[in-house]
Amino acid sequence: MKTIVHWFLSGLAVVITAYLLPGIVLKGFFAALVVAVVLGFLNTIIRPILVVLTLPINILTLGLFTLVINASLVMLTSSLVPGFQVKDFWTAILFSLILWLVNSVLNVFEPKEEK
């Protein structure tokens, strides 16, 4: 049940973020759910590999290169998911930042694990 709620809230975060940014085209809530799954998969599998491979430049930029990695994953998601389009790279950077912020706010509504 916790996974379904997390998935639903992630999809809602994608919808809210797409609504706030003019350079994002999202065609329906189902597309947002697919974006949440694909972006979660890419962040789980590919992002750690990219962070390790770009560690020297990440250190030189004091971690700001991570924004480039996040935007690249958003652009990759845009090319993989029909019904989700990102206008350009700067919009992808803004999308990743606002999505992080919206996810942080919506995290309050996720069920907590009981001890």
PDB file of N, CA and C in Angstrom:
ATOM      1  N   MET A   1       0.822  -1.191   0.000  1.00  0.00           N
ATOM      2  CA  MET A   1       0.000   0.000   0.000  1.00  0.00           C
ATOM      3  C   MET A   1       0.873   1.266   0.000  1.00  0.00           C
ATOM      4  N   LYS A   2       1.978   1.224   0.760  1.00  0.00           N
ATOM      5  CA  LYS A   2       2.870   2.378   0.834  1.00  0.00           C
ATOM      6  C   LYS A   2       3.468   2.694  -0.528  1.00  0.00           C
ATOM      7  N   THR A   3       3.789   1.670  -1.308  1.00  0.00           N
ATOM      8  CA  THR A   3       4.365   1.870  -2.636  1.00  0.00           C
ATOM      9  C   THR A   3       3.360   2.528  -3.574  1.00  0.00           C
ATOM     10  N   ILE A   4       2.113   2.134  -3.493  1.00  0.00           N
ATOM     11  CA  ILE A   4       1.077   2.713  -4.349  1.00  0.00           C
ATOM     12  C   ILE A   4       0.859   4.187  -4.008  1.00  0.00           C
ATOM     13  N   VAL A   5       0.838   4.497  -2.716  1.00  0.00           N
ATOM     14  CA  VAL A   5       0.677   5.894  -2.297  1.00  0.00           C
ATOM     15  C   VAL A   5       1.872   6.724  -2.775  1.00  0.00           C
ATOM     16  N   HIS A   6       3.076   6.173  -2.636  1.00  0.00           N
ATOM     17  CA  HIS A   6       4.282   6.882  -3.094  1.00  0.00           C
ATOM     18  C   HIS A   6       4.230   7.116  -4.602  1.00  0.00           C
ATOM     19  N   TRP A   7       3.808   6.124  -5.353  1.00  0.00           N
ATOM     20  CA  TRP A   7       3.708   6.233  -6.805  1.00  0.00           C
ATOM     21  C   TRP A   7       2.677   7.289  -7.190  1.00  0.00           C
ATOM     22  N   PHE A   8       1.524   7.273  -6.527  1.00  0.00           N
ATOM     23  CA  PHE A   8       0.475   8.249  -6.796  1.00  0.00           C
ATOM     24  C   PHE A   8       0.957   9.666  -6.483  1.00  0.00           C
ATOM     25  N   LEU A   9       1.627   9.850  -5.345  1.00  0.00           N
ATOM     26  CA  LEU A   9       2.129  11.173  -4.977  1.00  0.00           C
ATOM     27  C   LEU A   9       3.242  11.645  -5.917  1.00  0.00           C
ATOM     28  N   SER A  10       4.057  10.724  -6.406  1.00  0.00           N
ATOM     29  CA  SER A  10       5.086  11.089  -7.384  1.00  0.00           C
ATOM     30  C   SER A  10       4.452  11.529  -8.700  1.00  0.00           C
ATOM     31  N   GLY A  11       3.411  10.829  -9.117  1.00  0.00           N
ATOM     32  CA  GLY A  11       2.673  11.233 -10.316  1.00  0.00           C
ATOM     33  C   GLY A  11       2.012  12.592 -10.147  1.00  0.00           C
ATOM     34  N   LEU A  12       1.460  12.830  -8.956  1.00  0.00           N
ATOM     35  CA  LEU A  12       0.853  14.122  -8.658  1.00  0.00           C
ATOM     36  C   LEU A  12       1.913  15.227  -8.672  1.00  0.00           C
ATOM     37  N   ALA A  13       3.100  14.938  -8.174  1.00  0.00           N
ATOM     38  CA  ALA A  13       4.196  15.911  -8.202  1.00  0.00           C
ATOM     39  C   ALA A  13       4.592  16.249  -9.639  1.00  0.00           C
ATOM     40  N   VAL A  14       4.592  15.253 -10.508  1.00  0.00           N
ATOM     41  CA  VAL A  14       4.910  15.496 -11.921  1.00  0.00           C
ATOM     42  C   VAL A  14       3.836  16.374 -12.551  1.00  0.00           C
ATOM     43  N   VAL A  15       2.571  16.118 -12.231  1.00  0.00           N
ATOM     44  CA  VAL A  15       1.469  16.927 -12.780  1.00  0.00           C
ATOM     45  C   VAL A  15       1.588  18.373 -12.305  1.00  0.00           C
ATOM     46  N   ILE A  16       1.834  18.562 -11.022  1.00  0.00           N
ATOM     47  CA  ILE A  16       1.953  19.917 -10.471  1.00  0.00           C
ATOM     48  C   ILE A  16       3.130  20.653 -11.100  1.00  0.00           C
ATOM     49  N   THR A  17       4.251  19.973 -11.224  1.00  0.00           N
ATOM     50  CA  THR A  17       5.436  20.599 -11.805  1.00  0.00           C
ATOM     51  C   THR A  17       5.218  20.939 -13.276  1.00  0.00           C
ATOM     52  N   ALA A  18       4.575  20.047 -14.012  1.00  0.00           N
ATOM     53  CA  ALA A  18       4.296  20.320 -15.421  1.00  0.00           C
ATOM     54  C   ALA A  18       3.317  21.489 -15.569  1.00  0.00           C
ATOM     55  N   TYR A  19       2.409  21.627 -14.615  1.00  0.00           N
ATOM     56  CA  TYR A  19       1.469  22.740 -14.647  1.00  0.00           C
ATOM     57  C   TYR A  19       2.182  24.067 -14.387  1.00  0.00           C
ATOM     58  N   LEU A  20       3.183  24.055 -13.522  1.00  0.00           N
ATOM     59  CA  LEU A  20       3.888  25.279 -13.155  1.00  0.00           C
ATOM     60  C   LEU A  20       4.861  25.767 -14.228  1.00  0.00           C
ATOM     61  N   LEU A  21       5.398  24.850 -15.020  1.00  0.00           N
ATOM     62  CA  LEU A  21       6.396  25.226 -16.028  1.00  0.00           C
ATOM     63  C   LEU A  21       5.772  25.267 -17.426  1.00  0.00           C
ATOM     64  N   PRO A  22       5.962  26.372 -18.150  1.00  0.00           N
ATOM     65  CA  PRO A  22       5.354  26.462 -19.483  1.00  0.00           C
ATOM     66  C   PRO A  22       6.036  25.597 -20.544  1.00  0.00           C
ATOM     67  N   GLY A  23       7.259  25.162 -20.347  1.00  0.00           N
ATOM     68  CA  GLY A  23       7.968  24.386 -21.361  1.00  0.00           C
ATOM     69  C   GLY A  23       7.760  22.888 -21.269  1.00  0.00           C
ATOM     70  N   ILE A  24       6.826  22.447 -20.421  1.00  0.00           N
ATOM     71  CA  ILE A  24       6.558  21.015 -20.235  1.00  0.00           C
ATOM     72  C   ILE A  24       5.188  20.695 -20.801  1.00  0.00           C
ATOM     73  N   VAL A  25       5.122  19.640 -21.605  1.00  0.00           N
ATOM     74  CA  VAL A  25       3.846  19.154 -22.127  1.00  0.00           C
ATOM     75  C   VAL A  25       3.589  17.784 -21.521  1.00  0.00           C
ATOM     76  N   LEU A  26       2.462  17.656 -20.834  1.00  0.00           N
ATOM     77  CA  LEU A  26       2.085  16.393 -20.199  1.00  0.00           C
ATOM     78  C   LEU A  26       0.656  16.088 -20.600  1.00  0.00           C
ATOM     79  N   LYS A  27       0.448  14.921 -21.170  1.00  0.00           N
ATOM     80  CA  LYS A  27      -0.872  14.558 -21.672  1.00  0.00           C
ATOM     81  C   LYS A  27      -1.535  13.539 -20.754  1.00  0.00           C
ATOM     82  N   GLY A  28      -2.070  14.015 -19.651  1.00  0.00           N
ATOM     83  CA  GLY A  28      -2.864  13.174 -18.773  1.00  0.00           C
ATOM     84  C   GLY A  28      -2.113  12.653 -17.556  1.00  0.00           C
ATOM     85  N   PHE A  29      -2.917  12.184 -16.606  1.00  0.00           N
ATOM     86  CA  PHE A  29      -2.353  11.688 -15.355  1.00  0.00           C
ATOM     87  C   PHE A  29      -1.649  10.350 -15.544  1.00  0.00           C
ATOM     88  N   PHE A  30      -2.128   9.534 -16.487  1.00  0.00           N
ATOM     89  CA  PHE A  30      -1.458   8.249 -16.734  1.00  0.00           C
ATOM     90  C   PHE A  30      -0.032   8.476 -17.232  1.00  0.00           C
ATOM     91  N   ALA A  31       0.150   9.472 -18.089  1.00  0.00           N
ATOM     92  CA  ALA A  31       1.502   9.800 -18.562  1.00  0.00           C
ATOM     93  C   ALA A  31       2.369  10.255 -17.394  1.00  0.00           C
ATOM     94  N   ALA A  32       1.773  10.978 -16.437  1.00  0.00           N
ATOM     95  CA  ALA A  32       2.526  11.414 -15.258  1.00  0.00           C
ATOM     96  C   ALA A  32       2.942  10.221 -14.406  1.00  0.00           C
ATOM     97  N   LEU A  33       2.081   9.224 -14.285  1.00  0.00           N
ATOM     98  CA  LEU A  33       2.431   8.021 -13.530  1.00  0.00           C
ATOM     99  C   LEU A  33       3.563   7.264 -14.213  1.00  0.00           C
ATOM    100  N   VAL A  34       3.519   7.206 -15.544  1.00  0.00           N
ATOM    101  CA  VAL A  34       4.596   6.536 -16.286  1.00  0.00           C
ATOM    102  C   VAL A  34       5.899   7.327 -16.142  1.00  0.00           C
ATOM    103  N   VAL A  35       5.817   8.654 -16.186  1.00  0.00           N
ATOM    104  CA  VAL A  35       7.006   9.489 -15.989  1.00  0.00           C
ATOM    105  C   VAL A  35       7.595   9.234 -14.607  1.00  0.00           C
ATOM    106  N   ALA A  36       6.735   9.116 -13.589  1.00  0.00           N
ATOM    107  CA  ALA A  36       7.214   8.864 -12.228  1.00  0.00           C
ATOM    108  C   ALA A  36       7.951   7.529 -12.149  1.00  0.00           C
ATOM    109  N   VAL A  37       7.421   6.508 -12.811  1.00  0.00           N
ATOM    110  CA  VAL A  37       8.061   5.192 -12.789  1.00  0.00           C
ATOM    111  C   VAL A  37       9.395   5.220 -13.543  1.00  0.00           C
ATOM    112  N   VAL A  38       9.392   5.795 -14.741  1.00  0.00           N
ATOM    113  CA  VAL A  38      10.612   5.817 -15.560  1.00  0.00           C
ATOM    114  C   VAL A  38      11.690   6.677 -14.896  1.00  0.00           C
ATOM    115  N   LEU A  39      11.299   7.838 -14.386  1.00  0.00           N
ATOM    116  CA  LEU A  39      12.268   8.706 -13.722  1.00  0.00           C
ATOM    117  C   LEU A  39      12.803   8.056 -12.448  1.00  0.00           C
ATOM    118  N   GLY A  40      11.944   7.368 -11.727  1.00  0.00           N
ATOM    119  CA  GLY A  40      12.405   6.636 -10.541  1.00  0.00           C
ATOM    120  C   GLY A  40      13.373   5.528 -10.895  1.00  0.00           C
ATOM    121  N   PHE A  41      13.098   4.812 -11.977  1.00  0.00           N
ATOM    122  CA  PHE A  41      13.987   3.746 -12.425  1.00  0.00           C
ATOM    123  C   PHE A  41      15.346   4.309 -12.851  1.00  0.00           C
ATOM    124  N   LEU A  42      15.316   5.388 -13.640  1.00  0.00           N
ATOM    125  CA  LEU A  42      16.569   5.989 -14.093  1.00  0.00           C
ATOM    126  C   LEU A  42      17.370   6.547 -12.923  1.00  0.00           C
ATOM    127  N   ASN A  43      16.677   7.148 -11.954  1.00  0.00           N
ATOM    128  CA  ASN A  43      17.377   7.679 -10.782  1.00  0.00           C
ATOM    129  C   ASN A  43      17.956   6.571  -9.914  1.00  0.00           C
ATOM    130  N   THR A  44      17.340   5.417  -9.924  1.00  0.00           N
ATOM    131  CA  THR A  44      17.825   4.298  -9.114  1.00  0.00           C
ATOM    132  C   THR A  44      18.982   3.564  -9.793  1.00  0.00           C
ATOM    133  N   ILE A  45      18.915   3.375 -11.090  1.00  0.00           N
ATOM    134  CA  ILE A  45      19.893   2.555 -11.804  1.00  0.00           C
ATOM    135  C   ILE A  45      21.008   3.392 -12.442  1.00  0.00           C
ATOM    136  N   ILE A  46      20.649   4.382 -13.223  1.00  0.00           N
ATOM    137  CA  ILE A  46      21.638   5.093 -14.037  1.00  0.00           C
ATOM    138  C   ILE A  46      22.299   6.245 -13.288  1.00  0.00           C
ATOM    139  N   ARG A  47      21.555   6.976 -12.475  1.00  0.00           N
ATOM    140  CA  ARG A  47      22.104   8.159 -11.802  1.00  0.00           C
ATOM    141  C   ARG A  47      23.339   7.854 -10.947  1.00  0.00           C
ATOM    142  N   PRO A  48      23.332   6.785 -10.117  1.00  0.00           N
ATOM    143  CA  PRO A  48      24.551   6.517  -9.337  1.00  0.00           C
ATOM    144  C   PRO A  48      25.778   6.243 -10.203  1.00  0.00           C
ATOM    145  N   ILE A  49      25.576   5.581 -11.324  1.00  0.00           N
ATOM    146  CA  ILE A  49      26.687   5.306 -12.233  1.00  0.00           C
ATOM    147  C   ILE A  49      27.228   6.609 -12.814  1.00  0.00           C
ATOM    148  N   LEU A  50      26.315   7.505 -13.221  1.00  0.00           N
ATOM    149  CA  LEU A  50      26.741   8.788 -13.779  1.00  0.00           C
ATOM    150  C   LEU A  50      27.438   9.659 -12.741  1.00  0.00           C
ATOM    151  N   VAL A  51      26.958   9.615 -11.507  1.00  0.00           N
ATOM    152  CA  VAL A  51      27.586  10.410 -10.445  1.00  0.00           C
ATOM    153  C   VAL A  51      29.010   9.925 -10.193  1.00  0.00           C
ATOM    154  N   VAL A  52      29.206   8.618 -10.187  1.00  0.00           N
ATOM    155  CA  VAL A  52      30.556   8.082  -9.968  1.00  0.00           C
ATOM    156  C   VAL A  52      31.468   8.405 -11.146  1.00  0.00           C
ATOM    157  N   LEU A  53      30.953   8.287 -12.371  1.00  0.00           N
ATOM    158  CA  LEU A  53      31.774   8.560 -13.548  1.00  0.00           C
ATOM    159  C   LEU A  53      32.161  10.035 -13.658  1.00  0.00           C
ATOM    160  N   THR A  54      31.304  10.921 -13.161  1.00  0.00           N
ATOM    161  CA  THR A  54      31.573  12.354 -13.269  1.00  0.00           C
ATOM    162  C   THR A  54      32.044  12.948 -11.942  1.00  0.00           C
ATOM    163  N   LEU A  55      32.562  12.116 -11.068  1.00  0.00           N
ATOM    164  CA  LEU A  55      32.979  12.583  -9.746  1.00  0.00           C
ATOM    165  C   LEU A  55      34.020  13.710  -9.798  1.00  0.00           C
ATOM    166  N   PRO A  56      35.048  13.637 -10.654  1.00  0.00           N
ATOM    167  CA  PRO A  56      36.015  14.749 -10.666  1.00  0.00           C
ATOM    168  C   PRO A  56      35.392  16.098 -11.037  1.00  0.00           C
ATOM    169  N   ILE A  57      34.543  16.116 -12.062  1.00  0.00           N
ATOM    170  CA  ILE A  57      33.915  17.382 -12.442  1.00  0.00           C
ATOM    171  C   ILE A  57      32.886  17.812 -11.390  1.00  0.00           C
ATOM    172  N   ASN A  58      32.261  16.841 -10.739  1.00  0.00           N
ATOM    173  CA  ASN A  58      31.316  17.152  -9.668  1.00  0.00           C
ATOM    174  C   ASN A  58      32.040  17.797  -8.490  1.00  0.00           C
ATOM    175  N   ILE A  59      33.226  17.329  -8.196  1.00  0.00           N
ATOM    176  CA  ILE A  59      34.012  17.927  -7.110  1.00  0.00           C
ATOM    177  C   ILE A  59      34.450  19.337  -7.494  1.00  0.00           C
ATOM    178  N   LEU A  60      34.887  19.510  -8.739  1.00  0.00           N
ATOM    179  CA  LEU A  60      35.324  20.833  -9.195  1.00  0.00           C
ATOM    180  C   LEU A  60      34.197  21.866  -9.180  1.00  0.00           C
ATOM    181  N   THR A  61      32.984  21.418  -9.463  1.00  0.00           N
ATOM    182  CA  THR A  61      31.847  22.344  -9.501  1.00  0.00           C
ATOM    183  C   THR A  61      31.087  22.365  -8.185  1.00  0.00           C
ATOM    184  N   LEU A  62      31.665  21.759  -7.157  1.00  0.00           N
ATOM    185  CA  LEU A  62      31.045  21.706  -5.825  1.00  0.00           C
ATOM    186  C   LEU A  62      29.641  21.094  -5.848  1.00  0.00           C
ATOM    187  N   GLY A  63      29.472  20.105  -6.688  1.00  0.00           N
ATOM    188  CA  GLY A  63      28.221  19.361  -6.743  1.00  0.00           C
ATOM    189  C   GLY A  63      27.187  19.906  -7.699  1.00  0.00           C
ATOM    190  N   LEU A  64      27.462  21.038  -8.331  1.00  0.00           N
ATOM    191  CA  LEU A  64      26.473  21.627  -9.242  1.00  0.00           C
ATOM    192  C   LEU A  64      26.303  20.819 -10.527  1.00  0.00           C
ATOM    193  N   PHE A  65      27.280  19.999 -10.859  1.00  0.00           N
ATOM    194  CA  PHE A  65      27.144  19.161 -12.060  1.00  0.00           C
ATOM    195  C   PHE A  65      26.038  18.123 -11.885  1.00  0.00           C
ATOM    196  N   THR A  66      25.649  17.871 -10.659  1.00  0.00           N
ATOM    197  CA  THR A  66      24.532  16.948 -10.407  1.00  0.00           C
ATOM    198  C   THR A  66      23.249  17.476 -11.029  1.00  0.00           C
ATOM    199  N   LEU A  67      23.097  18.800 -11.098  1.00  0.00           N
ATOM    200  CA  LEU A  67      21.938  19.384 -11.779  1.00  0.00           C
ATOM    201  C   LEU A  67      21.924  19.015 -13.259  1.00  0.00           C
ATOM    202  N   VAL A  68      23.098  18.969 -13.863  1.00  0.00           N
ATOM    203  CA  VAL A  68      23.206  18.571 -15.271  1.00  0.00           C
ATOM    204  C   VAL A  68      22.805  17.099 -15.431  1.00  0.00           C
ATOM    205  N   ILE A  69      23.234  16.264 -14.506  1.00  0.00           N
ATOM    206  CA  ILE A  69      22.860  14.843 -14.552  1.00  0.00           C
ATOM    207  C   ILE A  69      21.351  14.693 -14.405  1.00  0.00           C
ATOM    208  N   ASN A  70      20.763  15.409 -13.447  1.00  0.00           N
ATOM    209  CA  ASN A  70      19.314  15.333 -13.253  1.00  0.00           C
ATOM    210  C   ASN A  70      18.562  15.805 -14.494  1.00  0.00           C
ATOM    211  N   ALA A  71      19.004  16.911 -15.082  1.00  0.00           N
ATOM    212  CA  ALA A  71      18.352  17.419 -16.283  1.00  0.00           C
ATOM    213  C   ALA A  71      18.498  16.434 -17.449  1.00  0.00           C
ATOM    214  N   SER A  72      19.642  15.794 -17.548  1.00  0.00           N
ATOM    215  CA  SER A  72      19.842  14.796 -18.603  1.00  0.00           C
ATOM    216  C   SER A  72      18.888  13.620 -18.427  1.00  0.00           C
ATOM    217  N   LEU A  73      18.667  13.201 -17.192  1.00  0.00           N
ATOM    218  CA  LEU A  73      17.735  12.106 -16.948  1.00  0.00           C
ATOM    219  C   LEU A  73      16.297  12.525 -17.248  1.00  0.00           C
ATOM    220  N   VAL A  74      15.956  13.778 -16.988  1.00  0.00           N
ATOM    221  CA  VAL A  74      14.627  14.275 -17.350  1.00  0.00           C
ATOM    222  C   VAL A  74      14.470  14.299 -18.868  1.00  0.00           C
ATOM    223  N   MET A  75      15.509  14.722 -19.580  1.00  0.00           N
ATOM    224  CA  MET A  75      15.454  14.725 -21.048  1.00  0.00           C
ATOM    225  C   MET A  75      15.346  13.304 -21.600  1.00  0.00           C
ATOM    226  N   LEU A  76      16.066  12.366 -20.984  1.00  0.00           N
ATOM    227  CA  LEU A  76      15.969  10.965 -21.390  1.00  0.00           C
ATOM    228  C   LEU A  76      14.560  10.432 -21.144  1.00  0.00           C
ATOM    229  N   THR A  77      13.983  10.779 -20.009  1.00  0.00           N
ATOM    230  CA  THR A  77      12.607  10.371 -19.710  1.00  0.00           C
ATOM    231  C   THR A  77      11.654  10.955 -20.735  1.00  0.00           C
ATOM    232  N   SER A  78      11.902  12.192 -21.128  1.00  0.00           N
ATOM    233  CA  SER A  78      11.062  12.836 -22.138  1.00  0.00           C
ATOM    234  C   SER A  78      11.109  12.097 -23.470  1.00  0.00           C
ATOM    235  N   SER A  79      12.263  11.565 -23.801  1.00  0.00           N
ATOM    236  CA  SER A  79      12.363  10.832 -25.070  1.00  0.00           C
ATOM    237  C   SER A  79      11.788   9.421 -24.968  1.00  0.00           C
ATOM    238  N   LEU A  80      11.692   8.870 -23.769  1.00  0.00           N
ATOM    239  CA  LEU A  80      11.184   7.510 -23.593  1.00  0.00           C
ATOM    240  C   LEU A  80       9.672   7.438 -23.401  1.00  0.00           C
ATOM    241  N   VAL A  81       9.088   8.455 -22.798  1.00  0.00           N
ATOM    242  CA  VAL A  81       7.668   8.408 -22.432  1.00  0.00           C
ATOM    243  C   VAL A  81       6.850   9.233 -23.421  1.00  0.00           C
ATOM    244  N   PRO A  82       5.930   8.573 -24.143  1.00  0.00           N
ATOM    245  CA  PRO A  82       5.053   9.349 -25.015  1.00  0.00           C
ATOM    246  C   PRO A  82       4.058  10.149 -24.153  1.00  0.00           C
ATOM    247  N   GLY A  83       3.779  11.355 -24.576  1.00  0.00           N
ATOM    248  CA  GLY A  83       2.870  12.205 -23.812  1.00  0.00           C
ATOM    249  C   GLY A  83       3.575  13.086 -22.799  1.00  0.00           C
ATOM    250  N   PHE A  84       4.916  13.063 -22.788  1.00  0.00           N
ATOM    251  CA  PHE A  84       5.707  13.914 -21.911  1.00  0.00           C
ATOM    252  C   PHE A  84       6.820  14.527 -22.734  1.00  0.00           C
ATOM    253  N   GLN A  85       6.793  15.850 -22.848  1.00  0.00           N
ATOM    254  CA  GLN A  85       7.808  16.540 -23.647  1.00  0.00           C
ATOM    255  C   GLN A  85       8.397  17.682 -22.834  1.00  0.00           C
ATOM    256  N   VAL A  86       9.707  17.841 -22.954  1.00  0.00           N
ATOM    257  CA  VAL A  86      10.423  18.938 -22.319  1.00  0.00           C
ATOM    258  C   VAL A  86      11.002  19.794 -23.435  1.00  0.00           C
ATOM    259  N   LYS A  87      10.787  21.109 -23.340  1.00  0.00           N
ATOM    260  CA  LYS A  87      11.184  22.025 -24.414  1.00  0.00           C
ATOM    261  C   LYS A  87      12.688  22.068 -24.640  1.00  0.00           C
ATOM    262  N   ASP A  88      13.459  22.301 -23.576  1.00  0.00           N
ATOM    263  CA  ASP A  88      14.902  22.413 -23.733  1.00  0.00           C
ATOM    264  C   ASP A  88      15.604  22.013 -22.436  1.00  0.00           C
ATOM    265  N   PHE A  89      16.922  22.126 -22.457  1.00  0.00           N
ATOM    266  CA  PHE A  89      17.733  21.674 -21.337  1.00  0.00           C
ATOM    267  C   PHE A  89      17.493  22.511 -20.082  1.00  0.00           C
ATOM    268  N   TRP A  90      17.342  23.837 -20.244  1.00  0.00           N
ATOM    269  CA  TRP A  90      17.118  24.709 -19.083  1.00  0.00           C
ATOM    270  C   TRP A  90      15.773  24.423 -18.434  1.00  0.00           C
ATOM    271  N   THR A  91      14.788  24.095 -19.243  1.00  0.00           N
ATOM    272  CA  THR A  91      13.488  23.711 -18.700  1.00  0.00           C
ATOM    273  C   THR A  91      13.616  22.405 -17.929  1.00  0.00           C
ATOM    274  N   ALA A  92      14.458  21.501 -18.404  1.00  0.00           N
ATOM    275  CA  ALA A  92      14.684  20.239 -17.696  1.00  0.00           C
ATOM    276  C   ALA A  92      15.348  20.479 -16.348  1.00  0.00           C
ATOM    277  N   ILE A  93      16.288  21.437 -16.293  1.00  0.00           N
ATOM    278  CA  ILE A  93      16.911  21.774 -15.005  1.00  0.00           C
ATOM    279  C   ILE A  93      15.872  22.341 -14.050  1.00  0.00           C
ATOM    280  N   LEU A  94      15.044  23.273 -14.541  1.00  0.00           N
ATOM    281  CA  LEU A  94      13.978  23.827 -13.693  1.00  0.00           C
ATOM    282  C   LEU A  94      12.982  22.752 -13.269  1.00  0.00           C
ATOM    283  N   PHE A  95      12.657  21.841 -14.202  1.00  0.00           N
ATOM    284  CA  PHE A  95      11.737  20.757 -13.878  1.00  0.00           C
ATOM    285  C   PHE A  95      12.287  19.897 -12.745  1.00  0.00           C
ATOM    286  N   SER A  96      13.566  19.560 -12.815  1.00  0.00           N
ATOM    287  CA  SER A  96      14.143  18.712 -11.766  1.00  0.00           C
ATOM    288  C   SER A  96      14.172  19.430 -10.423  1.00  0.00           C
ATOM    289  N   LEU A  97      14.458  20.731 -10.415  1.00  0.00           N
ATOM    290  CA  LEU A  97      14.470  21.489  -9.168  1.00  0.00           C
ATOM    291  C   LEU A  97      13.073  21.631  -8.565  1.00  0.00           C
ATOM    292  N   ILE A  98      12.101  21.988  -9.398  1.00  0.00           N
ATOM    293  CA  ILE A  98      10.737  22.164  -8.888  1.00  0.00           C
ATOM    294  C   ILE A  98      10.134  20.818  -8.503  1.00  0.00           C
ATOM    295  N   LEU A  99      10.453  19.770  -9.245  1.00  0.00           N
ATOM    296  CA  LEU A  99       9.963  18.440  -8.888  1.00  0.00           C
ATOM    297  C   LEU A  99      10.503  18.012  -7.530  1.00  0.00           C
ATOM    298  N   TRP A 100      11.764  18.307  -7.256  1.00  0.00           N
ATOM    299  CA  TRP A 100      12.329  18.011  -5.941  1.00  0.00           C
ATOM    300  C   TRP A 100      11.571  18.759  -4.849  1.00  0.00           C
ATOM    301  N   LEU A 101      11.286  20.032  -5.088  1.00  0.00           N
ATOM    302  CA  LEU A 101      10.584  20.840  -4.098  1.00  0.00           C
ATOM    303  C   LEU A 101       9.159  20.332  -3.861  1.00  0.00           C
ATOM    304  N   VAL A 102       8.436  20.025  -4.932  1.00  0.00           N
ATOM    305  CA  VAL A 102       7.061  19.531  -4.802  1.00  0.00           C
ATOM    306  C   VAL A 102       7.051  18.164  -4.125  1.00  0.00           C
ATOM    307  N   ASN A 103       7.999  17.300  -4.486  1.00  0.00           N
ATOM    308  CA  ASN A 103       8.093  15.993  -3.822  1.00  0.00           C
ATOM    309  C   ASN A 103       8.376  16.147  -2.332  1.00  0.00           C
ATOM    310  N   SER A 104       9.185  17.123  -1.977  1.00  0.00           N
ATOM    311  CA  SER A 104       9.477  17.357  -0.554  1.00  0.00           C
ATOM    312  C   SER A 104       8.221  17.774   0.198  1.00  0.00           C
ATOM    313  N   VAL A 105       7.408  18.613  -0.415  1.00  0.00           N
ATOM    314  CA  VAL A 105       6.165  19.052   0.218  1.00  0.00           C
ATOM    315  C   VAL A 105       5.176  17.891   0.310  1.00  0.00           C
ATOM    316  N   LEU A 106       5.048  17.117  -0.763  1.00  0.00           N
ATOM    317  CA  LEU A 106       4.084  16.007  -0.775  1.00  0.00           C
ATOM    318  C   LEU A 106       4.528  14.830   0.090  1.00  0.00           C
ATOM    319  N   ASN A 107       5.789  14.792   0.448  1.00  0.00           N
ATOM    320  CA  ASN A 107       6.305  13.719   1.301  1.00  0.00           C
ATOM    321  C   ASN A 107       5.625  13.716   2.667  1.00  0.00           C
ATOM    322  N   VAL A 108       5.075  14.842   3.065  1.00  0.00           N
ATOM    323  CA  VAL A 108       4.364  14.935   4.347  1.00  0.00           C
ATOM    324  C   VAL A 108       3.156  13.996   4.359  1.00  0.00           C
ATOM    325  N   PHE A 109       2.547  13.767   3.203  1.00  0.00           N
ATOM    326  CA  PHE A 109       1.331  12.966   3.128  1.00  0.00           C
ATOM    327  C   PHE A 109       1.591  11.467   2.979  1.00  0.00           C
ATOM    328  N   GLU A 110       2.838  11.066   2.858  1.00  0.00           N
ATOM    329  CA  GLU A 110       3.138   9.639   2.741  1.00  0.00           C
ATOM    330  C   GLU A 110       2.997   8.961   4.089  1.00  0.00           C
ATOM    331  N   PRO A 111       2.473   7.725   4.091  1.00  0.00           N
ATOM    332  CA  PRO A 111       2.369   7.014   5.371  1.00  0.00           C
ATOM    333  C   PRO A 111       3.754   6.674   5.922  1.00  0.00           C
ATOM    334  N   LYS A 112       3.903   6.889   7.205  1.00  0.00           N
ATOM    335  CA  LYS A 112       5.179   6.600   7.847  1.00  0.00           C
ATOM    336  C   LYS A 112       5.191   5.157   8.350  1.00  0.00           C
ATOM    337  N   GLU A 113       6.379   4.602   8.390  1.00  0.00           N
ATOM    338  CA  GLU A 113       6.540   3.222   8.863  1.00  0.00           C
ATOM    339  C   GLU A 113       6.430   3.189  10.367  1.00  0.00           C
ATOM    340  N   GLU A 114       5.588   2.288  10.876  1.00  0.00           N
ATOM    341  CA  GLU A 114       5.418   2.171  12.327  1.00  0.00           C
ATOM    342  C   GLU A 114       6.504   1.273  12.910  1.00  0.00           C
ATOM    343  N   LYS A 115       6.934   1.616  14.134  1.00  0.00           N
ATOM    344  CA  LYS A 115       7.973   0.834  14.792  1.00  0.00           C
ATOM    345  C   LYS A 115       7.401  -0.021  15.884  1.00  0.00           C
TER     346      LYS A 115
END
